[in-house]
Amino acid sequence: TLDRAEGGLGIGLTLARRIVRLHGGSIGAKSEGVGKGAEFTVRLPRIDLTPADANAAKEKYTLPAGAARRSVLVVDDNVDSARSMAMMLRLVGHEVGVAHDGPAALDRVDAAPPDVVLLDIGLPGISGYEVAKLLRSRPQGRAMQIYAMTGYAAEEDRKRSREAGFDGHLVKPVAPAELLRLIQASRDAH
């Protein structure tokens, strides 16, 4: 199923590899067979930041001068992922709401339509594809920007996203700077 509620290998290893690579590292896995366990090795470079480097990194994740504050709804059944994304977006100055399933997302949009929706596809009960279609069917859903933020990266997944009404398809993990540029570009397009 899309929500992978029953576990399995799913997309976890792919996401772990991408996250480690974003940090300039590598990840490896090995096992001697069924029932013998597995060993995962993550290697990350050590980075020594000077105070100037730390300030430059901080400035990289703030809204640029003249940039508009946006209202953003983050929809993800992974509570930690949703909270982390919301925290990062709030830190740079956006107004952020969070929902962990499709019905809650629809309720939030009905109560206060956001400018941008970051929507996971693999939600329990009602998929992100269906949520996007339902959002687009509402008058307030036609103007908002809706982006899939998902681990599903195949061309078929991207095609289904377009057909469901998504404005873009982002594969997790999305670099914060890329996401902030996208949110600002969405603003500039309206």
C-alpha atoms as a PDB file:
ATOM      1  CA  THR A   1       0.000   0.000   0.000  1.00  0.00           C
ATOM      2  CA  LEU A   2       1.056   3.606  -0.383  1.00  0.00           C
ATOM      3  CA  ASP A   3       1.249   4.196   3.381  1.00  0.00           C
ATOM      4  CA  ARG A   4       3.410   1.084   3.998  1.00  0.00           C
ATOM      5  CA  ALA A   5       1.620   0.573   7.335  1.00  0.00           C
ATOM      6  CA  GLU A   6       2.712  -3.069   7.386  1.00  0.00           C
ATOM      7  CA  GLY A   7       6.410  -2.175   7.341  1.00  0.00           C
ATOM      8  CA  GLY A   8       8.842  -3.784   4.943  1.00  0.00           C
ATOM      9  CA  LEU A   9      11.923  -2.408   3.255  1.00  0.00           C
ATOM     10  CA  GLY A  10       9.900   0.220   1.427  1.00  0.00           C
ATOM     11  CA  ILE A  11      11.717   3.488   0.953  1.00  0.00           C
ATOM     12  CA  GLY A  12      13.559   3.709   4.273  1.00  0.00           C
ATOM     13  CA  LEU A  13      16.937   2.573   2.957  1.00  0.00           C
ATOM     14  CA  THR A  14      16.694   4.857  -0.069  1.00  0.00           C
ATOM     15  CA  LEU A  15      15.877   7.829   2.164  1.00  0.00           C
ATOM     16  CA  ALA A  16      18.719   6.988   4.540  1.00  0.00           C
ATOM     17  CA  ARG A  17      21.169   6.842   1.629  1.00  0.00           C
ATOM     18  CA  ARG A  18      19.972  10.191   0.265  1.00  0.00           C
ATOM     19  CA  ILE A  19      20.182  11.891   3.647  1.00  0.00           C
ATOM     20  CA  VAL A  20      23.689  10.558   4.259  1.00  0.00           C
ATOM     21  CA  ARG A  21      24.787  11.657   0.768  1.00  0.00           C
ATOM     22  CA  LEU A  22      23.376  15.165   1.386  1.00  0.00           C
ATOM     23  CA  HIS A  23      25.845  15.322   4.267  1.00  0.00           C
ATOM     24  CA  GLY A  24      28.751  14.165   2.097  1.00  0.00           C
ATOM     25  CA  GLY A  25      28.807  10.686   3.565  1.00  0.00           C
ATOM     26  CA  SER A  26      28.203   7.084   2.608  1.00  0.00           C
ATOM     27  CA  ILE A  27      26.151   4.207   3.930  1.00  0.00           C
ATOM     28  CA  GLY A  28      26.670   0.469   3.601  1.00  0.00           C
ATOM     29  CA  ALA A  29      24.737  -2.624   4.638  1.00  0.00           C
ATOM     30  CA  LYS A  30      25.742  -6.255   5.006  1.00  0.00           C
ATOM     31  CA  SER A  31      24.228  -9.444   6.345  1.00  0.00           C
ATOM     32  CA  GLU A  32      25.311 -13.068   6.581  1.00  0.00           C
ATOM     33  CA  GLY A  33      21.793 -14.240   5.720  1.00  0.00           C
ATOM     34  CA  VAL A  34      18.260 -14.646   6.977  1.00  0.00           C
ATOM     35  CA  GLY A  35      18.009 -14.619  10.755  1.00  0.00           C
ATOM     36  CA  LYS A  36      21.623 -13.484  11.192  1.00  0.00           C
ATOM     37  CA  GLY A  37      20.905  -9.770  11.544  1.00  0.00           C
ATOM     38  CA  ALA A  38      22.278  -6.903   9.535  1.00  0.00           C
ATOM     39  CA  GLU A  39      25.020  -4.340   9.992  1.00  0.00           C
ATOM     40  CA  PHE A  40      24.670  -0.792   8.690  1.00  0.00           C
ATOM     41  CA  THR A  41      27.663   1.513   8.509  1.00  0.00           C
ATOM     42  CA  VAL A  42      27.205   5.257   8.108  1.00  0.00           C
ATOM     43  CA  ARG A  43      30.275   7.376   7.414  1.00  0.00           C
ATOM     44  CA  LEU A  44      30.022  11.158   7.673  1.00  0.00           C
ATOM     45  CA  PRO A  45      32.785  13.711   7.239  1.00  0.00           C
ATOM     46  CA  ARG A  46      33.818  15.705  10.267  1.00  0.00           C
ATOM     47  CA  ILE A  47      33.244  19.386   9.698  1.00  0.00           C
ATOM     48  CA  ASP A  48      34.917  22.087  11.717  1.00  0.00           C
ATOM     49  CA  LEU A  49      32.920  25.300  11.417  1.00  0.00           C
ATOM     50  CA  THR A  50      34.436  28.646  12.180  1.00  0.00           C
ATOM     51  CA  PRO A  51      32.094  31.316  13.624  1.00  0.00           C
ATOM     52  CA  ALA A  52      31.987  32.936  10.142  1.00  0.00           C
ATOM     53  CA  ASP A  53      30.902  29.591   8.588  1.00  0.00           C
ATOM     54  CA  ALA A  54      28.144  29.215  11.195  1.00  0.00           C
ATOM     55  CA  ASN A  55      26.829  32.733  10.473  1.00  0.00           C
ATOM     56  CA  ALA A  56      26.853  32.079   6.720  1.00  0.00           C
ATOM     57  CA  ALA A  57      24.881  28.857   7.240  1.00  0.00           C
ATOM     58  CA  LYS A  58      22.336  30.693   9.402  1.00  0.00           C
ATOM     59  CA  GLU A  59      21.846  33.416   6.771  1.00  0.00           C
ATOM     60  CA  LYS A  60      21.362  30.762   4.070  1.00  0.00           C
ATOM     61  CA  TYR A  61      18.111  29.648   5.719  1.00  0.00           C
ATOM     62  CA  THR A  62      16.393  32.965   6.310  1.00  0.00           C
ATOM     63  CA  LEU A  63      13.931  34.727   4.066  1.00  0.00           C
ATOM     64  CA  PRO A  64      15.738  37.067   1.679  1.00  0.00           C
ATOM     65  CA  ALA A  65      15.080  40.791   1.988  1.00  0.00           C
ATOM     66  CA  GLY A  66      11.738  41.609   0.423  1.00  0.00           C
ATOM     67  CA  ALA A  67      10.577  37.970   0.378  1.00  0.00           C
ATOM     68  CA  ALA A  68       6.965  37.429   1.357  1.00  0.00           C
ATOM     69  CA  ARG A  69       5.945  35.362   4.336  1.00  0.00           C
ATOM     70  CA  ARG A  70       3.863  32.437   3.097  1.00  0.00           C
ATOM     71  CA  SER A  71       1.272  30.220   4.747  1.00  0.00           C
ATOM     72  CA  VAL A  72       2.296  26.583   4.299  1.00  0.00           C
ATOM     73  CA  LEU A  73       0.513  23.355   5.225  1.00  0.00           C
ATOM     74  CA  VAL A  74       2.771  20.332   5.783  1.00  0.00           C
ATOM     75  CA  VAL A  75       0.895  17.022   5.443  1.00  0.00           C
ATOM     76  CA  ASP A  76       2.850  13.928   6.461  1.00  0.00           C
ATOM     77  CA  ASP A  77       1.899  10.910   8.585  1.00  0.00           C
ATOM     78  CA  ASN A  78       5.496  10.741   9.818  1.00  0.00           C
ATOM     79  CA  VAL A  79       5.081  13.017  12.840  1.00  0.00           C
ATOM     80  CA  ASP A  80       8.808  13.673  13.280  1.00  0.00           C
ATOM     81  CA  SER A  81       9.272  14.525   9.614  1.00  0.00           C
ATOM     82  CA  ALA A  82       6.266  16.873   9.598  1.00  0.00           C
ATOM     83  CA  ARG A  83       7.376  18.628  12.794  1.00  0.00           C
ATOM     84  CA  SER A  84      10.948  19.045  11.549  1.00  0.00           C
ATOM     85  CA  MET A  85       9.778  20.510   8.243  1.00  0.00           C
ATOM     86  CA  ALA A  86       7.354  22.844  10.023  1.00  0.00           C
ATOM     87  CA  MET A  87      10.046  23.971  12.461  1.00  0.00           C
ATOM     88  CA  MET A  88      12.475  24.783   9.652  1.00  0.00           C
ATOM     89  CA  LEU A  89       9.840  26.750   7.734  1.00  0.00           C
ATOM     90  CA  ARG A  90       8.801  28.683  10.862  1.00  0.00           C
ATOM     91  CA  LEU A  91      12.423  29.511  11.662  1.00  0.00           C
ATOM     92  CA  VAL A  92      12.773  31.318   8.349  1.00  0.00           C
ATOM     93  CA  GLY A  93       9.542  33.232   8.847  1.00  0.00           C
ATOM     94  CA  HIS A  94       6.704  31.291   7.215  1.00  0.00           C
ATOM     95  CA  GLU A  95       3.362  30.585   8.887  1.00  0.00           C
ATOM     96  CA  VAL A  96       3.022  26.797   9.056  1.00  0.00           C
ATOM     97  CA  GLY A  97       0.254  24.315   9.840  1.00  0.00           C
ATOM     98  CA  VAL A  98       0.635  20.551  10.117  1.00  0.00           C
ATOM     99  CA  ALA A  99      -1.722  17.654   9.403  1.00  0.00           C
ATOM    100  CA  HIS A 100      -0.940  13.950   9.643  1.00  0.00           C
ATOM    101  CA  ASP A 101      -3.652  12.485   7.410  1.00  0.00           C
ATOM    102  CA  GLY A 102      -5.880  13.395   4.481  1.00  0.00           C
ATOM    103  CA  PRO A 103      -9.079  14.301   6.351  1.00  0.00           C
ATOM    104  CA  ALA A 104      -7.164  16.571   8.765  1.00  0.00           C
ATOM    105  CA  ALA A 105      -5.473  18.277   5.802  1.00  0.00           C
ATOM    106  CA  LEU A 106      -8.821  18.908   4.114  1.00  0.00           C
ATOM    107  CA  ASP A 107     -10.254  20.327   7.352  1.00  0.00           C
ATOM    108  CA  ARG A 108      -7.279  22.684   7.748  1.00  0.00           C
ATOM    109  CA  VAL A 109      -7.593  23.912   4.169  1.00  0.00           C
ATOM    110  CA  ASP A 110     -11.326  24.516   4.629  1.00  0.00           C
ATOM    111  CA  ALA A 111     -10.659  26.496   7.829  1.00  0.00           C
ATOM    112  CA  ALA A 112      -7.741  28.574   6.498  1.00  0.00           C
ATOM    113  CA  PRO A 113      -6.500  27.940   2.943  1.00  0.00           C
ATOM    114  CA  PRO A 114      -2.694  28.063   2.768  1.00  0.00           C
ATOM    115  CA  ASP A 115      -0.595  29.457  -0.068  1.00  0.00           C
ATOM    116  CA  VAL A 116       1.406  26.215  -0.370  1.00  0.00           C
ATOM    117  CA  VAL A 117       0.682  22.586   0.550  1.00  0.00           C
ATOM    118  CA  LEU A 118       3.575  20.130   0.974  1.00  0.00           C
ATOM    119  CA  LEU A 119       1.786  16.797   0.719  1.00  0.00           C
ATOM    120  CA  ASP A 120       3.118  13.301   1.322  1.00  0.00           C
ATOM    121  CA  ILE A 121       1.701  10.701  -1.066  1.00  0.00           C
ATOM    122  CA  GLY A 122       1.834   7.671   1.249  1.00  0.00           C
ATOM    123  CA  LEU A 123      -0.799   8.727   3.778  1.00  0.00           C
ATOM    124  CA  PRO A 124      -2.938   6.239   5.723  1.00  0.00           C
ATOM    125  CA  GLY A 125      -6.535   5.809   4.614  1.00  0.00           C
ATOM    126  CA  ILE A 126      -6.653   8.357   1.806  1.00  0.00           C
ATOM    127  CA  SER A 127      -3.573   8.795  -0.353  1.00  0.00           C
ATOM    128  CA  GLY A 128      -1.914  12.120  -1.129  1.00  0.00           C
ATOM    129  CA  TYR A 129      -3.045  11.681  -4.730  1.00  0.00           C
ATOM    130  CA  GLU A 130      -6.683  11.655  -3.593  1.00  0.00           C
ATOM    131  CA  VAL A 131      -6.129  14.579  -1.213  1.00  0.00           C
ATOM    132  CA  ALA A 132      -4.645  16.629  -4.075  1.00  0.00           C
ATOM    133  CA  LYS A 133      -7.645  15.819  -6.311  1.00  0.00           C
ATOM    134  CA  LEU A 134     -10.062  16.818  -3.535  1.00  0.00           C
ATOM    135  CA  LEU A 135      -8.158  20.044  -2.888  1.00  0.00           C
ATOM    136  CA  ARG A 136      -8.220  20.949  -6.568  1.00  0.00           C
ATOM    137  CA  SER A 137     -12.002  20.356  -6.669  1.00  0.00           C
ATOM    138  CA  ARG A 138     -12.545  23.093  -4.048  1.00  0.00           C
ATOM    139  CA  PRO A 139     -12.646  26.767  -5.058  1.00  0.00           C
ATOM    140  CA  GLN A 140      -9.835  27.653  -2.611  1.00  0.00           C
ATOM    141  CA  GLY A 141      -7.751  24.735  -3.910  1.00  0.00           C
ATOM    142  CA  ARG A 142      -7.372  26.111  -7.399  1.00  0.00           C
ATOM    143  CA  ALA A 143      -5.038  28.983  -6.446  1.00  0.00           C
ATOM    144  CA  MET A 144      -2.797  27.214  -3.935  1.00  0.00           C
ATOM    145  CA  GLN A 145       0.442  25.535  -4.914  1.00  0.00           C
ATOM    146  CA  ILE A 146       0.482  21.810  -4.070  1.00  0.00           C
ATOM    147  CA  TYR A 147       3.751  19.882  -4.055  1.00  0.00           C
ATOM    148  CA  ALA A 148       4.204  16.166  -3.496  1.00  0.00           C
ATOM    149  CA  MET A 149       6.968  15.548  -0.947  1.00  0.00           C
ATOM    150  CA  THR A 150       7.529  11.840  -1.095  1.00  0.00           C
ATOM    151  CA  GLY A 151       9.945   8.963  -1.284  1.00  0.00           C
ATOM    152  CA  TYR A 152       8.242   7.728  -4.452  1.00  0.00           C
ATOM    153  CA  ALA A 153      10.572   8.766  -7.252  1.00  0.00           C
ATOM    154  CA  ALA A 154       9.652   6.615 -10.261  1.00  0.00           C
ATOM    155  CA  GLU A 155       8.418   8.245 -13.456  1.00  0.00           C
ATOM    156  CA  GLU A 156       5.022   6.579 -12.935  1.00  0.00           C
ATOM    157  CA  ASP A 157       4.786   8.296  -9.523  1.00  0.00           C
ATOM    158  CA  ARG A 158       5.573  11.665 -11.109  1.00  0.00           C
ATOM    159  CA  LYS A 159       2.964  11.059 -13.807  1.00  0.00           C
ATOM    160  CA  ARG A 160       0.323  10.203 -11.194  1.00  0.00           C
ATOM    161  CA  SER A 161       1.248  13.391  -9.317  1.00  0.00           C
ATOM    162  CA  ARG A 162       0.672  15.541 -12.398  1.00  0.00           C
ATOM    163  CA  GLU A 163      -2.631  13.794 -13.090  1.00  0.00           C
ATOM    164  CA  ALA A 164      -3.770  14.346  -9.479  1.00  0.00           C
ATOM    165  CA  GLY A 165      -3.142  18.097  -9.764  1.00  0.00           C
ATOM    166  CA  PHE A 166       0.206  18.545  -8.021  1.00  0.00           C
ATOM    167  CA  ASP A 167       2.294  21.529  -9.149  1.00  0.00           C
ATOM    168  CA  GLY A 168       5.530  19.622  -8.555  1.00  0.00           C
ATOM    169  CA  HIS A 169       6.984  16.341  -7.305  1.00  0.00           C
ATOM    170  CA  LEU A 170       9.770  16.565  -4.716  1.00  0.00           C
ATOM    171  CA  VAL A 171      11.654  13.460  -3.629  1.00  0.00           C
ATOM    172  CA  LYS A 172      12.551  13.244   0.069  1.00  0.00           C
ATOM    173  CA  PRO A 173      14.791  14.380   1.522  1.00  0.00           C
ATOM    174  CA  VAL A 174      14.445  17.833  -0.008  1.00  0.00           C
ATOM    175  CA  ALA A 175      17.321  20.222   0.687  1.00  0.00           C
ATOM    176  CA  PRO A 176      16.045  23.165   2.779  1.00  0.00           C
ATOM    177  CA  ALA A 177      17.496  25.787   0.424  1.00  0.00           C
ATOM    178  CA  GLU A 178      15.756  24.127  -2.550  1.00  0.00           C
ATOM    179  CA  LEU A 179      12.441  24.049  -0.707  1.00  0.00           C
ATOM    180  CA  LEU A 180      12.712  27.710   0.318  1.00  0.00           C
ATOM    181  CA  ARG A 181      13.479  28.719  -3.285  1.00  0.00           C
ATOM    182  CA  LEU A 182      10.465  26.729  -4.484  1.00  0.00           C
ATOM    183  CA  ILE A 183       8.125  28.365  -1.965  1.00  0.00           C
ATOM    184  CA  GLN A 184       9.341  31.817  -2.983  1.00  0.00           C
ATOM    185  CA  ALA A 185       9.052  30.974  -6.695  1.00  0.00           C
ATOM    186  CA  SER A 186       5.473  29.842  -6.060  1.00  0.00           C
ATOM    187  CA  ARG A 187       4.774  33.236  -4.532  1.00  0.00           C
ATOM    188  CA  ASP A 188       6.356  35.075  -7.437  1.00  0.00           C
ATOM    189  CA  ALA A 189       4.276  33.066  -9.928  1.00  0.00           C
ATOM    190  CA  HIS A 190       1.006  34.419  -8.487  1.00  0.00           C
END
